[in-house]
Amino acid sequence: MEKLLSVAIGGAAGALARYGTVVIYQRYSPTTFPLAILTVNVLGSLLFGLVWAYAEDRDWVSENMRLLVLTGFLGSFTTFSTFAFDEAMFFRSGSWAIFVANLLISNAAALAAVFVGFRIGKVI
């Protein structure tokens, strides 16, 4: 039950953080490029790498804390399903430049962010 509660609390916080990020970008960003989703996916990947490295080397990071942060918060904060939906909409509307740019940038940046976060986490 404790593990389930950790995932639920982290998931709720991650969903609220993602929603807040999207609202801010929608309000202040002049572009149709999905910067909010790109931001949460890259930032979430960076944080995932940091937490992963930090938790791997320190026994005092409990399993429940890893579940709260990695599975709950970051699993909910990052939005790969939303990314896939955006990509499908760009494809269907024929917005080929945004479709390709978002596909390449989001995947490359998120993958790089996981590795960067992991390296930073090893140093701190």
PDB file of N, CA and C in Angstrom:
ATOM      1  N   MET A   1       0.824  -1.193   0.000  1.00  0.00           N
ATOM      2  CA  MET A   1       0.000   0.000   0.000  1.00  0.00           C
ATOM      3  C   MET A   1       0.874   1.264   0.000  1.00  0.00           C
ATOM      4  N   GLU A   2       1.979   1.193   0.722  1.00  0.00           N
ATOM      5  CA  GLU A   2       2.879   2.340   0.800  1.00  0.00           C
ATOM      6  C   GLU A   2       3.486   2.671  -0.568  1.00  0.00           C
ATOM      7  N   LYS A   3       3.825   1.631  -1.331  1.00  0.00           N
ATOM      8  CA  LYS A   3       4.381   1.847  -2.673  1.00  0.00           C
ATOM      9  C   LYS A   3       3.340   2.477  -3.590  1.00  0.00           C
ATOM     10  N   LEU A   4       2.135   1.981  -3.521  1.00  0.00           N
ATOM     11  CA  LEU A   4       1.048   2.516  -4.333  1.00  0.00           C
ATOM     12  C   LEU A   4       0.791   3.986  -4.005  1.00  0.00           C
ATOM     13  N   LEU A   5       0.826   4.323  -2.739  1.00  0.00           N
ATOM     14  CA  LEU A   5       0.629   5.708  -2.318  1.00  0.00           C
ATOM     15  C   LEU A   5       1.765   6.604  -2.822  1.00  0.00           C
ATOM     16  N   SER A   6       2.991   6.088  -2.799  1.00  0.00           N
ATOM     17  CA  SER A   6       4.136   6.856  -3.312  1.00  0.00           C
ATOM     18  C   SER A   6       3.964   7.174  -4.791  1.00  0.00           C
ATOM     19  N   VAL A   7       3.561   6.176  -5.566  1.00  0.00           N
ATOM     20  CA  VAL A   7       3.349   6.391  -7.005  1.00  0.00           C
ATOM     21  C   VAL A   7       2.196   7.366  -7.232  1.00  0.00           C
ATOM     22  N   ALA A   8       1.122   7.221  -6.464  1.00  0.00           N
ATOM     23  CA  ALA A   8      -0.055   8.086  -6.637  1.00  0.00           C
ATOM     24  C   ALA A   8       0.262   9.541  -6.305  1.00  0.00           C
ATOM     25  N   ILE A   9       0.967   9.779  -5.224  1.00  0.00           N
ATOM     26  CA  ILE A   9       1.314  11.151  -4.828  1.00  0.00           C
ATOM     27  C   ILE A   9       2.247  11.767  -5.869  1.00  0.00           C
ATOM     28  N   GLY A  10       3.265  11.008  -6.270  1.00  0.00           N
ATOM     29  CA  GLY A  10       4.176  11.506  -7.296  1.00  0.00           C
ATOM     30  C   GLY A  10       3.469  11.754  -8.615  1.00  0.00           C
ATOM     31  N   GLY A  11       2.573  10.853  -8.982  1.00  0.00           N
ATOM     32  CA  GLY A  11       1.833  10.998 -10.239  1.00  0.00           C
ATOM     33  C   GLY A  11       0.949  12.230 -10.248  1.00  0.00           C
ATOM     34  N   ALA A  12       0.281  12.489  -9.148  1.00  0.00           N
ATOM     35  CA  ALA A  12      -0.576  13.683  -9.062  1.00  0.00           C
ATOM     36  C   ALA A  12       0.274  14.950  -9.184  1.00  0.00           C
ATOM     37  N   ALA A  13       1.400  14.976  -8.491  1.00  0.00           N
ATOM     38  CA  ALA A  13       2.276  16.158  -8.553  1.00  0.00           C
ATOM     39  C   ALA A  13       2.842  16.338  -9.957  1.00  0.00           C
ATOM     40  N   GLY A  14       3.228  15.249 -10.602  1.00  0.00           N
ATOM     41  CA  GLY A  14       3.767  15.331 -11.961  1.00  0.00           C
ATOM     42  C   GLY A  14       2.730  15.811 -12.959  1.00  0.00           C
ATOM     43  N   ALA A  15       1.504  15.332 -12.827  1.00  0.00           N
ATOM     44  CA  ALA A  15       0.435  15.759 -13.730  1.00  0.00           C
ATOM     45  C   ALA A  15       0.143  17.248 -13.560  1.00  0.00           C
ATOM     46  N   LEU A  16       0.139  17.715 -12.325  1.00  0.00           N
ATOM     47  CA  LEU A  16      -0.094  19.140 -12.076  1.00  0.00           C
ATOM     48  C   LEU A  16       1.057  19.988 -12.613  1.00  0.00           C
ATOM     49  N   ALA A  17       2.277  19.505 -12.457  1.00  0.00           N
ATOM     50  CA  ALA A  17       3.431  20.242 -12.978  1.00  0.00           C
ATOM     51  C   ALA A  17       3.391  20.301 -14.506  1.00  0.00           C
ATOM     52  N   ARG A  18       3.024  19.202 -15.142  1.00  0.00           N
ATOM     53  CA  ARG A  18       2.908  19.194 -16.604  1.00  0.00           C
ATOM     54  C   ARG A  18       1.804  20.148 -17.053  1.00  0.00           C
ATOM     55  N   TYR A  19       0.657  20.082 -16.411  1.00  0.00           N
ATOM     56  CA  TYR A  19      -0.451  20.960 -16.766  1.00  0.00           C
ATOM     57  C   TYR A  19      -0.054  22.425 -16.621  1.00  0.00           C
ATOM     58  N   GLY A  20       0.612  22.748 -15.539  1.00  0.00           N
ATOM     59  CA  GLY A  20       1.056  24.123 -15.326  1.00  0.00           C
ATOM     60  C   GLY A  20       2.024  24.581 -16.396  1.00  0.00           C
ATOM     61  N   THR A  21       2.928  23.713 -16.780  1.00  0.00           N
ATOM     62  CA  THR A  21       3.887  24.039 -17.838  1.00  0.00           C
ATOM     63  C   THR A  21       3.166  24.308 -19.154  1.00  0.00           C
ATOM     64  N   VAL A  22       2.227  23.466 -19.501  1.00  0.00           N
ATOM     65  CA  VAL A  22       1.471  23.632 -20.748  1.00  0.00           C
ATOM     66  C   VAL A  22       0.679  24.932 -20.726  1.00  0.00           C
ATOM     67  N   VAL A  23       0.028  25.229 -19.615  1.00  0.00           N
ATOM     68  CA  VAL A  23      -0.759  26.465 -19.508  1.00  0.00           C
ATOM     69  C   VAL A  23       0.137  27.686 -19.686  1.00  0.00           C
ATOM     70  N   ILE A  24       1.288  27.690 -19.051  1.00  0.00           N
ATOM     71  CA  ILE A  24       2.218  28.821 -19.169  1.00  0.00           C
ATOM     72  C   ILE A  24       2.670  28.994 -20.619  1.00  0.00           C
ATOM     73  N   TYR A  25       3.049  27.906 -21.273  1.00  0.00           N
ATOM     74  CA  TYR A  25       3.489  27.999 -22.672  1.00  0.00           C
ATOM     75  C   TYR A  25       2.353  28.453 -23.587  1.00  0.00           C
ATOM     76  N   GLN A  26       1.161  27.936 -23.366  1.00  0.00           N
ATOM     77  CA  GLN A  26       0.034  28.345 -24.203  1.00  0.00           C
ATOM     78  C   GLN A  26      -0.262  29.828 -24.040  1.00  0.00           C
ATOM     79  N   ARG A  27      -0.068  30.339 -22.864  1.00  0.00           N
ATOM     80  CA  ARG A  27      -0.361  31.743 -22.588  1.00  0.00           C
ATOM     81  C   ARG A  27       0.706  32.669 -23.169  1.00  0.00           C
ATOM     82  N   TYR A  28       1.976  32.257 -23.128  1.00  0.00           N
ATOM     83  CA  TYR A  28       3.062  33.176 -23.463  1.00  0.00           C
ATOM     84  C   TYR A  28       3.862  32.831 -24.714  1.00  0.00           C
ATOM     85  N   SER A  29       3.643  31.681 -25.309  1.00  0.00           N
ATOM     86  CA  SER A  29       4.423  31.296 -26.481  1.00  0.00           C
ATOM     87  C   SER A  29       3.683  31.646 -27.769  1.00  0.00           C
ATOM     88  N   PRO A  30       4.341  32.347 -28.676  1.00  0.00           N
ATOM     89  CA  PRO A  30       3.674  32.762 -29.911  1.00  0.00           C
ATOM     90  C   PRO A  30       3.696  31.680 -31.008  1.00  0.00           C
ATOM     91  N   THR A  31       4.315  30.551 -30.768  1.00  0.00           N
ATOM     92  CA  THR A  31       4.501  29.548 -31.814  1.00  0.00           C
ATOM     93  C   THR A  31       3.502  28.399 -31.690  1.00  0.00           C
ATOM     94  N   THR A  32       3.282  27.712 -32.806  1.00  0.00           N
ATOM     95  CA  THR A  32       2.445  26.510 -32.774  1.00  0.00           C
ATOM     96  C   THR A  32       3.287  25.264 -32.507  1.00  0.00           C
ATOM     97  N   PHE A  33       4.611  25.426 -32.534  1.00  0.00           N
ATOM     98  CA  PHE A  33       5.486  24.294 -32.212  1.00  0.00           C
ATOM     99  C   PHE A  33       5.240  23.902 -30.755  1.00  0.00           C
ATOM    100  N   PRO A  34       5.116  22.609 -30.463  1.00  0.00           N
ATOM    101  CA  PRO A  34       4.758  22.175 -29.109  1.00  0.00           C
ATOM    102  C   PRO A  34       5.924  22.284 -28.115  1.00  0.00           C
ATOM    103  N   LEU A  35       6.297  23.518 -27.801  1.00  0.00           N
ATOM    104  CA  LEU A  35       7.420  23.754 -26.893  1.00  0.00           C
ATOM    105  C   LEU A  35       7.158  23.232 -25.483  1.00  0.00           C
ATOM    106  N   ALA A  36       5.934  23.296 -25.025  1.00  0.00           N
ATOM    107  CA  ALA A  36       5.628  22.821 -23.670  1.00  0.00           C
ATOM    108  C   ALA A  36       5.924  21.330 -23.548  1.00  0.00           C
ATOM    109  N   ILE A  37       5.478  20.553 -24.526  1.00  0.00           N
ATOM    110  CA  ILE A  37       5.688  19.111 -24.479  1.00  0.00           C
ATOM    111  C   ILE A  37       7.172  18.793 -24.643  1.00  0.00           C
ATOM    112  N   LEU A  38       7.835  19.499 -25.528  1.00  0.00           N
ATOM    113  CA  LEU A  38       9.281  19.330 -25.685  1.00  0.00           C
ATOM    114  C   LEU A  38       9.984  19.636 -24.366  1.00  0.00           C
ATOM    115  N   THR A  39       9.599  20.719 -23.721  1.00  0.00           N
ATOM    116  CA  THR A  39      10.221  21.116 -22.453  1.00  0.00           C
ATOM    117  C   THR A  39      10.024  20.054 -21.381  1.00  0.00           C
ATOM    118  N   VAL A  40       8.795  19.590 -21.185  1.00  0.00           N
ATOM    119  CA  VAL A  40       8.584  18.604 -20.123  1.00  0.00           C
ATOM    120  C   VAL A  40       9.276  17.287 -20.434  1.00  0.00           C
ATOM    121  N   ASN A  41       9.323  16.897 -21.701  1.00  0.00           N
ATOM    122  CA  ASN A  41       9.998  15.641 -22.033  1.00  0.00           C
ATOM    123  C   ASN A  41      11.509  15.738 -21.826  1.00  0.00           C
ATOM    124  N   VAL A  42      12.112  16.847 -22.224  1.00  0.00           N
ATOM    125  CA  VAL A  42      13.560  16.998 -22.058  1.00  0.00           C
ATOM    126  C   VAL A  42      13.906  17.232 -20.587  1.00  0.00           C
ATOM    127  N   LEU A  43      13.185  18.128 -19.921  1.00  0.00           N
ATOM    128  CA  LEU A  43      13.443  18.381 -18.510  1.00  0.00           C
ATOM    129  C   LEU A  43      13.192  17.121 -17.682  1.00  0.00           C
ATOM    130  N   GLY A  44      12.113  16.432 -17.979  1.00  0.00           N
ATOM    131  CA  GLY A  44      11.816  15.187 -17.273  1.00  0.00           C
ATOM    132  C   GLY A  44      12.888  14.138 -17.499  1.00  0.00           C
ATOM    133  N   SER A  45      13.422  14.059 -18.702  1.00  0.00           N
ATOM    134  CA  SER A  45      14.495  13.113 -18.997  1.00  0.00           C
ATOM    135  C   SER A  45      15.769  13.483 -18.241  1.00  0.00           C
ATOM    136  N   LEU A  46      16.076  14.773 -18.201  1.00  0.00           N
ATOM    137  CA  LEU A  46      17.239  15.240 -17.451  1.00  0.00           C
ATOM    138  C   LEU A  46      17.091  14.893 -15.968  1.00  0.00           C
ATOM    139  N   LEU A  47      15.934  15.203 -15.402  1.00  0.00           N
ATOM    140  CA  LEU A  47      15.697  14.896 -13.993  1.00  0.00           C
ATOM    141  C   LEU A  47      15.716  13.398 -13.731  1.00  0.00           C
ATOM    142  N   PHE A  48      15.200  12.614 -14.670  1.00  0.00           N
ATOM    143  CA  PHE A  48      15.226  11.160 -14.528  1.00  0.00           C
ATOM    144  C   PHE A  48      16.672  10.675 -14.433  1.00  0.00           C
ATOM    145  N   GLY A  49      17.526  11.169 -15.322  1.00  0.00           N
ATOM    146  CA  GLY A  49      18.934  10.783 -15.283  1.00  0.00           C
ATOM    147  C   GLY A  49      19.600  11.190 -13.985  1.00  0.00           C
ATOM    148  N   LEU A  50      19.311  12.400 -13.511  1.00  0.00           N
ATOM    149  CA  LEU A  50      19.883  12.871 -12.242  1.00  0.00           C
ATOM    150  C   LEU A  50      19.459  11.981 -11.071  1.00  0.00           C
ATOM    151  N   VAL A  51      18.178  11.755 -10.965  1.00  0.00           N
ATOM    152  CA  VAL A  51      17.664  10.951  -9.854  1.00  0.00           C
ATOM    153  C   VAL A  51      18.168   9.519  -9.950  1.00  0.00           C
ATOM    154  N   TRP A  52      18.196   8.977 -11.139  1.00  0.00           N
ATOM    155  CA  TRP A  52      18.674   7.612 -11.351  1.00  0.00           C
ATOM    156  C   TRP A  52      20.115   7.482 -10.860  1.00  0.00           C
ATOM    157  N   ALA A  53      20.987   8.382 -11.296  1.00  0.00           N
ATOM    158  CA  ALA A  53      22.388   8.327 -10.882  1.00  0.00           C
ATOM    159  C   ALA A  53      22.522   8.544  -9.382  1.00  0.00           C
ATOM    160  N   TYR A  54      21.785   9.505  -8.864  1.00  0.00           N
ATOM    161  CA  TYR A  54      21.856   9.824  -7.443  1.00  0.00           C
ATOM    162  C   TYR A  54      21.400   8.633  -6.600  1.00  0.00           C
ATOM    163  N   ALA A  55      20.296   8.018  -6.979  1.00  0.00           N
ATOM    164  CA  ALA A  55      19.749   6.896  -6.226  1.00  0.00           C
ATOM    165  C   ALA A  55      20.607   5.646  -6.350  1.00  0.00           C
ATOM    166  N   GLU A  56      21.241   5.472  -7.489  1.00  0.00           N
ATOM    167  CA  GLU A  56      22.053   4.274  -7.723  1.00  0.00           C
ATOM    168  C   GLU A  56      23.243   4.201  -6.775  1.00  0.00           C
ATOM    169  N   ASP A  57      23.818   5.341  -6.454  1.00  0.00           N
ATOM    170  CA  ASP A  57      25.024   5.378  -5.642  1.00  0.00           C
ATOM    171  C   ASP A  57      24.767   5.604  -4.156  1.00  0.00           C
ATOM    172  N   ARG A  58      23.541   5.814  -3.764  1.00  0.00           N
ATOM    173  CA  ARG A  58      23.247   6.127  -2.369  1.00  0.00           C
ATOM    174  C   ARG A  58      22.168   5.189  -1.836  1.00  0.00           C
ATOM    175  N   ASP A  59      22.553   4.400  -0.877  1.00  0.00           N
ATOM    176  CA  ASP A  59      21.620   3.425  -0.314  1.00  0.00           C
ATOM    177  C   ASP A  59      20.490   4.075   0.476  1.00  0.00           C
ATOM    178  N   TRP A  60      20.665   5.339   0.910  1.00  0.00           N
ATOM    179  CA  TRP A  60      19.659   5.954   1.747  1.00  0.00           C
ATOM    180  C   TRP A  60      18.476   6.503   0.951  1.00  0.00           C
ATOM    181  N   VAL A  61      18.530   6.425  -0.385  1.00  0.00           N
ATOM    182  CA  VAL A  61      17.357   6.795  -1.187  1.00  0.00           C
ATOM    183  C   VAL A  61      16.459   5.560  -1.222  1.00  0.00           C
ATOM    184  N   SER A  62      15.343   5.651  -0.541  1.00  0.00           N
ATOM    185  CA  SER A  62      14.471   4.478  -0.377  1.00  0.00           C
ATOM    186  C   SER A  62      13.780   4.093  -1.682  1.00  0.00           C
ATOM    187  N   GLU A  63      13.313   2.867  -1.709  1.00  0.00           N
ATOM    188  CA  GLU A  63      12.559   2.394  -2.864  1.00  0.00           C
ATOM    189  C   GLU A  63      11.285   3.219  -3.048  1.00  0.00           C
ATOM    190  N   ASN A  64      10.640   3.583  -1.946  1.00  0.00           N
ATOM    191  CA  ASN A  64       9.425   4.393  -2.044  1.00  0.00           C
ATOM    192  C   ASN A  64       9.714   5.769  -2.623  1.00  0.00           C
ATOM    193  N   MET A  65      10.867   6.349  -2.279  1.00  0.00           N
ATOM    194  CA  MET A  65      11.222   7.654  -2.832  1.00  0.00           C
ATOM    195  C   MET A  65      11.502   7.535  -4.326  1.00  0.00           C
ATOM    196  N   ARG A  66      12.174   6.472  -4.736  1.00  0.00           N
ATOM    197  CA  ARG A  66      12.399   6.250  -6.173  1.00  0.00           C
ATOM    198  C   ARG A  66      11.073   6.074  -6.903  1.00  0.00           C
ATOM    199  N   LEU A  67      10.147   5.332  -6.308  1.00  0.00           N
ATOM    200  CA  LEU A  67       8.829   5.156  -6.917  1.00  0.00           C
ATOM    201  C   LEU A  67       8.086   6.482  -7.009  1.00  0.00           C
ATOM    202  N   LEU A  68       8.156   7.286  -5.959  1.00  0.00           N
ATOM    203  CA  LEU A  68       7.478   8.575  -5.952  1.00  0.00           C
ATOM    204  C   LEU A  68       8.025   9.477  -7.052  1.00  0.00           C
ATOM    205  N   VAL A  69       9.347   9.566  -7.136  1.00  0.00           N
ATOM    206  CA  VAL A  69       9.961  10.513  -8.067  1.00  0.00           C
ATOM    207  C   VAL A  69      10.014   9.966  -9.494  1.00  0.00           C
ATOM    208  N   LEU A  70      10.567   8.771  -9.677  1.00  0.00           N
ATOM    209  CA  LEU A  70      10.773   8.255 -11.044  1.00  0.00           C
ATOM    210  C   LEU A  70       9.475   7.753 -11.669  1.00  0.00           C
ATOM    211  N   THR A  71       8.798   6.865 -10.995  1.00  0.00           N
ATOM    212  CA  THR A  71       7.586   6.283 -11.571  1.00  0.00           C
ATOM    213  C   THR A  71       6.407   7.247 -11.486  1.00  0.00           C
ATOM    214  N   GLY A  72       6.211   7.838 -10.322  1.00  0.00           N
ATOM    215  CA  GLY A  72       5.073   8.723 -10.127  1.00  0.00           C
ATOM    216  C   GLY A  72       5.244  10.076 -10.781  1.00  0.00           C
ATOM    217  N   PHE A  73       6.126  10.908 -10.199  1.00  0.00           N
ATOM    218  CA  PHE A  73       6.249  12.282 -10.672  1.00  0.00           C
ATOM    219  C   PHE A  73       6.734  12.353 -12.116  1.00  0.00           C
ATOM    220  N   LEU A  74       7.888  11.763 -12.405  1.00  0.00           N
ATOM    221  CA  LEU A  74       8.443  11.908 -13.752  1.00  0.00           C
ATOM    222  C   LEU A  74       7.667  11.104 -14.792  1.00  0.00           C
ATOM    223  N   GLY A  75       7.096   9.980 -14.380  1.00  0.00           N
ATOM    224  CA  GLY A  75       6.251   9.220 -15.296  1.00  0.00           C
ATOM    225  C   GLY A  75       5.015   9.995 -15.706  1.00  0.00           C
ATOM    226  N   SER A  76       4.504  10.793 -14.790  1.00  0.00           N
ATOM    227  CA  SER A  76       3.329  11.606 -15.080  1.00  0.00           C
ATOM    228  C   SER A  76       3.700  12.942 -15.712  1.00  0.00           C
ATOM    229  N   PHE A  77       4.831  13.497 -15.302  1.00  0.00           N
ATOM    230  CA  PHE A  77       5.271  14.800 -15.812  1.00  0.00           C
ATOM    231  C   PHE A  77       5.654  14.721 -17.285  1.00  0.00           C
ATOM    232  N   THR A  78       6.432  13.716 -17.655  1.00  0.00           N
ATOM    233  CA  THR A  78       6.793  13.576 -19.061  1.00  0.00           C
ATOM    234  C   THR A  78       5.572  13.069 -19.813  1.00  0.00           C
ATOM    235  N   THR A  79       5.490  13.444 -21.059  1.00  0.00           N
ATOM    236  CA  THR A  79       4.214  13.283 -21.759  1.00  0.00           C
ATOM    237  C   THR A  79       4.383  12.612 -23.118  1.00  0.00           C
ATOM    238  N   PHE A  80       4.957  11.435 -23.105  1.00  0.00           N
ATOM    239  CA  PHE A  80       5.201  10.804 -24.388  1.00  0.00           C
ATOM    240  C   PHE A  80       3.910  10.520 -25.145  1.00  0.00           C
ATOM    241  N   SER A  81       2.843  10.202 -24.431  1.00  0.00           N
ATOM    242  CA  SER A  81       1.580   9.962 -25.133  1.00  0.00           C
ATOM    243  C   SER A  81       1.067  11.248 -25.760  1.00  0.00           C
ATOM    244  N   THR A  82       1.248  12.371 -25.085  1.00  0.00           N
ATOM    245  CA  THR A  82       0.849  13.653 -25.655  1.00  0.00           C
ATOM    246  C   THR A  82       1.735  13.991 -26.841  1.00  0.00           C
ATOM    247  N   PHE A  83       3.003  13.697 -26.724  1.00  0.00           N
ATOM    248  CA  PHE A  83       3.933  13.889 -27.834  1.00  0.00           C
ATOM    249  C   PHE A  83       3.471  13.085 -29.056  1.00  0.00           C
ATOM    250  N   ALA A  84       3.123  11.826 -28.847  1.00  0.00           N
ATOM    251  CA  ALA A  84       2.676  10.981 -29.950  1.00  0.00           C
ATOM    252  C   ALA A  84       1.392  11.533 -30.579  1.00  0.00           C
ATOM    253  N   PHE A  85       0.490  12.016 -29.742  1.00  0.00           N
ATOM    254  CA  PHE A  85      -0.741  12.606 -30.255  1.00  0.00           C
ATOM    255  C   PHE A  85      -0.436  13.848 -31.092  1.00  0.00           C
ATOM    256  N   ASP A  86       0.425  14.739 -30.573  1.00  0.00           N
ATOM    257  CA  ASP A  86       0.811  15.929 -31.337  1.00  0.00           C
ATOM    258  C   ASP A  86       1.396  15.537 -32.688  1.00  0.00           C
ATOM    259  N   GLU A  87       2.265  14.547 -32.678  1.00  0.00           N
ATOM    260  CA  GLU A  87       2.885  14.100 -33.922  1.00  0.00           C
ATOM    261  C   GLU A  87       1.832  13.585 -34.910  1.00  0.00           C
ATOM    262  N   ALA A  88       0.875  12.831 -34.412  1.00  0.00           N
ATOM    263  CA  ALA A  88      -0.193  12.325 -35.278  1.00  0.00           C
ATOM    264  C   ALA A  88      -0.999  13.471 -35.882  1.00  0.00           C
ATOM    265  N   MET A  89      -1.258  14.508 -35.087  1.00  0.00           N
ATOM    266  CA  MET A  89      -2.010  15.662 -35.583  1.00  0.00           C
ATOM    267  C   MET A  89      -1.208  16.439 -36.633  1.00  0.00           C
ATOM    268  N   PHE A  90       0.088  16.612 -36.417  1.00  0.00           N
ATOM    269  CA  PHE A  90       0.927  17.279 -37.418  1.00  0.00           C
ATOM    270  C   PHE A  90       0.946  16.471 -38.714  1.00  0.00           C
ATOM    271  N   PHE A  91       1.043  15.160 -38.586  1.00  0.00           N
ATOM    272  CA  PHE A  91       1.065  14.275 -39.751  1.00  0.00           C
ATOM    273  C   PHE A  91      -0.255  14.384 -40.519  1.00  0.00           C
ATOM    274  N   ARG A  92      -1.350  14.291 -39.804  1.00  0.00           N
ATOM    275  CA  ARG A  92      -2.664  14.334 -40.446  1.00  0.00           C
ATOM    276  C   ARG A  92      -2.943  15.670 -41.116  1.00  0.00           C
ATOM    277  N   SER A  93      -2.409  16.755 -40.533  1.00  0.00           N
ATOM    278  CA  SER A  93      -2.671  18.077 -41.104  1.00  0.00           C
ATOM    279  C   SER A  93      -1.667  18.450 -42.193  1.00  0.00           C
ATOM    280  N   GLY A  94      -0.685  17.604 -42.418  1.00  0.00           N
ATOM    281  CA  GLY A  94       0.315  17.884 -43.441  1.00  0.00           C
ATOM    282  C   GLY A  94       1.366  18.901 -43.013  1.00  0.00           C
ATOM    283  N   SER A  95       1.506  19.134 -41.703  1.00  0.00           N
ATOM    284  CA  SER A  95       2.530  20.060 -41.187  1.00  0.00           C
ATOM    285  C   SER A  95       3.850  19.307 -41.093  1.00  0.00           C
ATOM    286  N   TRP A  96       4.417  19.017 -42.265  1.00  0.00           N
ATOM    287  CA  TRP A  96       5.569  18.125 -42.340  1.00  0.00           C
ATOM    288  C   TRP A  96       6.808  18.666 -41.637  1.00  0.00           C
ATOM    289  N   ALA A  97       7.077  19.956 -41.765  1.00  0.00           N
ATOM    290  CA  ALA A  97       8.279  20.520 -41.142  1.00  0.00           C
ATOM    291  C   ALA A  97       8.204  20.406 -39.613  1.00  0.00           C
ATOM    292  N   ILE A  98       7.048  20.735 -39.042  1.00  0.00           N
ATOM    293  CA  ILE A  98       6.893  20.626 -37.588  1.00  0.00           C
ATOM    294  C   ILE A  98       6.917  19.159 -37.170  1.00  0.00           C
ATOM    295  N   PHE A  99       6.281  18.299 -37.956  1.00  0.00           N
ATOM    296  CA  PHE A  99       6.273  16.869 -37.658  1.00  0.00           C
ATOM    297  C   PHE A  99       7.697  16.333 -37.560  1.00  0.00           C
ATOM    298  N   VAL A 100       8.512  16.588 -38.557  1.00  0.00           N
ATOM    299  CA  VAL A 100       9.883  16.061 -38.584  1.00  0.00           C
ATOM    300  C   VAL A 100      10.754  16.725 -37.513  1.00  0.00           C
ATOM    301  N   ALA A 101      10.647  18.052 -37.405  1.00  0.00           N
ATOM    302  CA  ALA A 101      11.466  18.765 -36.420  1.00  0.00           C
ATOM    303  C   ALA A 101      11.151  18.292 -35.006  1.00  0.00           C
ATOM    304  N   ASN A 102       9.878  18.201 -34.680  1.00  0.00           N
ATOM    305  CA  ASN A 102       9.485  17.772 -33.340  1.00  0.00           C
ATOM    306  C   ASN A 102       9.921  16.334 -33.071  1.00  0.00           C
ATOM    307  N   LEU A 103       9.766  15.472 -34.055  1.00  0.00           N
ATOM    308  CA  LEU A 103      10.161  14.074 -33.905  1.00  0.00           C
ATOM    309  C   LEU A 103      11.654  13.951 -33.616  1.00  0.00           C
ATOM    310  N   LEU A 104      12.462  14.624 -34.409  1.00  0.00           N
ATOM    311  CA  LEU A 104      13.910  14.526 -34.250  1.00  0.00           C
ATOM    312  C   LEU A 104      14.412  15.243 -33.002  1.00  0.00           C
ATOM    313  N   ILE A 105      13.957  16.477 -32.805  1.00  0.00           N
ATOM    314  CA  ILE A 105      14.447  17.264 -31.672  1.00  0.00           C
ATOM    315  C   ILE A 105      14.019  16.640 -30.344  1.00  0.00           C
ATOM    316  N   SER A 106      12.770  16.279 -30.228  1.00  0.00           N
ATOM    317  CA  SER A 106      12.280  15.733 -28.958  1.00  0.00           C
ATOM    318  C   SER A 106      13.007  14.447 -28.575  1.00  0.00           C
ATOM    319  N   ASN A 107      13.154  13.548 -29.518  1.00  0.00           N
ATOM    320  CA  ASN A 107      13.810  12.281 -29.206  1.00  0.00           C
ATOM    321  C   ASN A 107      15.290  12.452 -28.912  1.00  0.00           C
ATOM    322  N   ALA A 108      15.982  13.219 -29.752  1.00  0.00           N
ATOM    323  CA  ALA A 108      17.421  13.410 -29.539  1.00  0.00           C
ATOM    324  C   ALA A 108      17.683  14.177 -28.248  1.00  0.00           C
ATOM    325  N   ALA A 109      16.916  15.230 -27.995  1.00  0.00           N
ATOM    326  CA  ALA A 109      17.135  16.040 -26.795  1.00  0.00           C
ATOM    327  C   ALA A 109      16.808  15.265 -25.522  1.00  0.00           C
ATOM    328  N   ALA A 110      15.729  14.511 -25.529  1.00  0.00           N
ATOM    329  CA  ALA A 110      15.361  13.748 -24.340  1.00  0.00           C
ATOM    330  C   ALA A 110      16.386  12.646 -24.054  1.00  0.00           C
ATOM    331  N   LEU A 111      16.841  11.963 -25.076  1.00  0.00           N
ATOM    332  CA  LEU A 111      17.858  10.928 -24.886  1.00  0.00           C
ATOM    333  C   LEU A 111      19.154  11.537 -24.364  1.00  0.00           C
ATOM    334  N   ALA A 112      19.570  12.637 -24.955  1.00  0.00           N
ATOM    335  CA  ALA A 112      20.781  13.321 -24.486  1.00  0.00           C
ATOM    336  C   ALA A 112      20.596  13.798 -23.049  1.00  0.00           C
ATOM    337  N   ALA A 113      19.409  14.296 -22.707  1.00  0.00           N
ATOM    338  CA  ALA A 113      19.161  14.793 -21.357  1.00  0.00           C
ATOM    339  C   ALA A 113      19.273  13.692 -20.306  1.00  0.00           C
ATOM    340  N   VAL A 114      18.813  12.481 -20.623  1.00  0.00           N
ATOM    341  CA  VAL A 114      18.958  11.374 -19.678  1.00  0.00           C
ATOM    342  C   VAL A 114      20.439  11.124 -19.394  1.00  0.00           C
ATOM    343  N   PHE A 115      21.255  11.095 -20.444  1.00  0.00           N
ATOM    344  CA  PHE A 115      22.686  10.859 -20.253  1.00  0.00           C
ATOM    345  C   PHE A 115      23.360  12.011 -19.514  1.00  0.00           C
ATOM    346  N   VAL A 116      22.995  13.237 -19.841  1.00  0.00           N
ATOM    347  CA  VAL A 116      23.564  14.403 -19.151  1.00  0.00           C
ATOM    348  C   VAL A 116      23.153  14.374 -17.678  1.00  0.00           C
ATOM    349  N   GLY A 117      21.888  14.121 -17.416  1.00  0.00           N
ATOM    350  CA  GLY A 117      21.421  14.038 -16.039  1.00  0.00           C
ATOM    351  C   GLY A 117      22.133  12.952 -15.263  1.00  0.00           C
ATOM    352  N   PHE A 118      22.350  11.815 -15.883  1.00  0.00           N
ATOM    353  CA  PHE A 118      23.061  10.710 -15.234  1.00  0.00           C
ATOM    354  C   PHE A 118      24.489  11.124 -14.894  1.00  0.00           C
ATOM    355  N   ARG A 119      25.172  11.768 -15.847  1.00  0.00           N
ATOM    356  CA  ARG A 119      26.554  12.201 -15.599  1.00  0.00           C
ATOM    357  C   ARG A 119      26.623  13.247 -14.483  1.00  0.00           C
ATOM    358  N   ILE A 120      25.689  14.202 -14.504  1.00  0.00           N
ATOM    359  CA  ILE A 120      25.646  15.197 -13.438  1.00  0.00           C
ATOM    360  C   ILE A 120      25.378  14.540 -12.105  1.00  0.00           C
ATOM    361  N   GLY A 121      24.439  13.594 -12.115  1.00  0.00           N
ATOM    362  CA  GLY A 121      24.109  12.883 -10.881  1.00  0.00           C
ATOM    363  C   GLY A 121      25.276  12.106 -10.313  1.00  0.00           C
ATOM    364  N   LYS A 122      26.143  11.614 -11.139  1.00  0.00           N
ATOM    365  CA  LYS A 122      27.339  10.893 -10.678  1.00  0.00           C
ATOM    366  C   LYS A 122      28.331  11.824 -10.032  1.00  0.00           C
ATOM    367  N   VAL A 123      28.350  13.084 -10.470  1.00  0.00           N
ATOM    368  CA  VAL A 123      29.314  14.062  -9.964  1.00  0.00           C
ATOM    369  C   VAL A 123      28.865  14.651  -8.622  1.00  0.00           C
ATOM    370  N   ILE A 124      27.558  14.868  -8.463  1.00  0.00           N
ATOM    371  CA  ILE A 124      27.098  15.521  -7.226  1.00  0.00           C
ATOM    372  C   ILE A 124      26.836  14.530  -6.117  1.00  0.00           C
TER     373      ILE A 124
END
